[in-house]
């Protein structure tokens, strides 16, 4: 990772001897993105990739995102 100038985002296990400092704010954003992707994959059409073109697939991702956003606002 150091050769590619990558920054570690996932914290290491407590049992490992060599500890690497992790940016907690970056880790929170990563978890947020992963949770969003998992919620989008609950829509079967996105998970199975039924759409053949990128435009129609992206359109359905937009529709599903709007549904999730509205559901979040109503709670």
C-alpha atoms as a PDB file:
ATOM      1  CA  UNK A   1       0.000   0.000   0.000  1.00  0.00           C
ATOM      2  CA  UNK A   2       2.836   2.378   0.754  1.00  0.00           C
ATOM      3  CA  UNK A   3       4.322   1.827  -2.706  1.00  0.00           C
ATOM      4  CA  UNK A   4       1.014   2.958  -4.271  1.00  0.00           C
ATOM      5  CA  UNK A   5       0.545   5.824  -1.765  1.00  0.00           C
ATOM      6  CA  UNK A   6      -2.757   4.332  -0.598  1.00  0.00           C
ATOM      7  CA  UNK A   7      -4.251   5.299   2.732  1.00  0.00           C
ATOM      8  CA  UNK A   8      -5.584   2.444   4.878  1.00  0.00           C
ATOM      9  CA  UNK A   9      -9.273   2.878   5.621  1.00  0.00           C
ATOM     10  CA  UNK A  10     -10.234  -0.339   7.411  1.00  0.00           C
ATOM     11  CA  UNK A  11      -8.885  -0.649  10.971  1.00  0.00           C
ATOM     12  CA  UNK A  12      -6.589  -3.578  11.652  1.00  0.00           C
ATOM     13  CA  UNK A  13      -7.481  -6.367  14.060  1.00  0.00           C
ATOM     14  CA  UNK A  14      -6.417  -5.986  17.644  1.00  0.00           C
ATOM     15  CA  UNK A  15      -4.415  -9.211  17.494  1.00  0.00           C
ATOM     16  CA  UNK A  16      -1.981  -7.875  14.875  1.00  0.00           C
ATOM     17  CA  UNK A  17       1.296  -6.546  16.171  1.00  0.00           C
ATOM     18  CA  UNK A  18       1.930  -3.870  13.571  1.00  0.00           C
ATOM     19  CA  UNK A  19      -0.740  -1.200  14.019  1.00  0.00           C
ATOM     20  CA  UNK A  20      -1.532   1.331  11.288  1.00  0.00           C
ATOM     21  CA  UNK A  21      -3.235   4.629  12.050  1.00  0.00           C
ATOM     22  CA  UNK A  22      -6.618   4.930  10.336  1.00  0.00           C
ATOM     23  CA  UNK A  23      -8.529   8.110   9.541  1.00  0.00           C
ATOM     24  CA  UNK A  24     -11.814   7.654  11.421  1.00  0.00           C
ATOM     25  CA  UNK A  25     -13.716  10.251   9.365  1.00  0.00           C
ATOM     26  CA  UNK A  26     -12.742   8.491   6.136  1.00  0.00           C
ATOM     27  CA  UNK A  27     -13.793   5.147   7.637  1.00  0.00           C
ATOM     28  CA  UNK A  28     -17.232   6.567   8.544  1.00  0.00           C
ATOM     29  CA  UNK A  29     -17.712   7.773   4.961  1.00  0.00           C
ATOM     30  CA  UNK A  30     -16.689   4.366   3.646  1.00  0.00           C
ATOM     31  CA  UNK A  31     -19.263   2.653   5.866  1.00  0.00           C
ATOM     32  CA  UNK A  32     -21.905   5.116   4.680  1.00  0.00           C
ATOM     33  CA  UNK A  33     -21.190   4.321   1.028  1.00  0.00           C
ATOM     34  CA  UNK A  34     -21.203   0.566   1.672  1.00  0.00           C
ATOM     35  CA  UNK A  35     -24.546   0.750   3.478  1.00  0.00           C
ATOM     36  CA  UNK A  36     -26.029   2.766   0.613  1.00  0.00           C
ATOM     37  CA  UNK A  37     -24.819   0.194  -1.921  1.00  0.00           C
ATOM     38  CA  UNK A  38     -26.317  -2.618   0.152  1.00  0.00           C
ATOM     39  CA  UNK A  39     -29.663  -0.841   0.327  1.00  0.00           C
ATOM     40  CA  UNK A  40     -29.599  -0.309  -3.434  1.00  0.00           C
ATOM     41  CA  UNK A  41     -28.873  -3.996  -3.964  1.00  0.00           C
ATOM     42  CA  UNK A  42     -32.064  -4.852  -2.100  1.00  0.00           C
ATOM     43  CA  UNK A  43     -33.821  -3.734  -5.269  1.00  0.00           C
ATOM     44  CA  UNK A  44     -33.789  -6.976  -7.205  1.00  0.00           C
ATOM     45  CA  UNK A  45     -33.521  -5.312 -10.592  1.00  0.00           C
ATOM     46  CA  UNK A  46     -30.230  -3.656  -9.651  1.00  0.00           C
ATOM     47  CA  UNK A  47     -28.762  -6.737  -7.968  1.00  0.00           C
ATOM     48  CA  UNK A  48     -29.516  -8.993 -10.952  1.00  0.00           C
ATOM     49  CA  UNK A  49     -28.628  -6.377 -13.596  1.00  0.00           C
ATOM     50  CA  UNK A  50     -31.674  -6.957 -15.763  1.00  0.00           C
ATOM     51  CA  UNK A  51     -31.149  -3.754 -17.757  1.00  0.00           C
ATOM     52  CA  UNK A  52     -28.958  -4.096 -20.805  1.00  0.00           C
ATOM     53  CA  UNK A  53     -27.906  -0.485 -21.279  1.00  0.00           C
ATOM     54  CA  UNK A  54     -26.020   1.708 -18.842  1.00  0.00           C
ATOM     55  CA  UNK A  55     -28.605   4.490 -19.233  1.00  0.00           C
ATOM     56  CA  UNK A  56     -31.565   2.372 -18.176  1.00  0.00           C
ATOM     57  CA  UNK A  57     -29.582   0.809 -15.327  1.00  0.00           C
ATOM     58  CA  UNK A  58     -28.517   4.229 -14.046  1.00  0.00           C
ATOM     59  CA  UNK A  59     -32.095   5.446 -14.332  1.00  0.00           C
ATOM     60  CA  UNK A  60     -33.314   2.641 -12.128  1.00  0.00           C
ATOM     61  CA  UNK A  61     -30.535   3.361  -9.610  1.00  0.00           C
ATOM     62  CA  UNK A  62     -31.780   6.965  -9.545  1.00  0.00           C
ATOM     63  CA  UNK A  63     -35.377   5.865  -8.962  1.00  0.00           C
ATOM     64  CA  UNK A  64     -34.346   3.490  -6.188  1.00  0.00           C
ATOM     65  CA  UNK A  65     -32.194   6.200  -4.576  1.00  0.00           C
ATOM     66  CA  UNK A  66     -35.134   8.601  -4.596  1.00  0.00           C
ATOM     67  CA  UNK A  67     -37.358   5.949  -2.988  1.00  0.00           C
ATOM     68  CA  UNK A  68     -34.766   5.392  -0.246  1.00  0.00           C
ATOM     69  CA  UNK A  69     -34.391   9.141   0.304  1.00  0.00           C
ATOM     70  CA  UNK A  70     -38.154   9.656   0.602  1.00  0.00           C
ATOM     71  CA  UNK A  71     -38.397   6.715   2.995  1.00  0.00           C
ATOM     72  CA  UNK A  72     -35.601   8.233   5.080  1.00  0.00           C
ATOM     73  CA  UNK A  73     -37.373  11.603   5.189  1.00  0.00           C
ATOM     74  CA  UNK A  74     -40.632  10.073   6.348  1.00  0.00           C
ATOM     75  CA  UNK A  75     -39.081   8.418   9.419  1.00  0.00           C
END
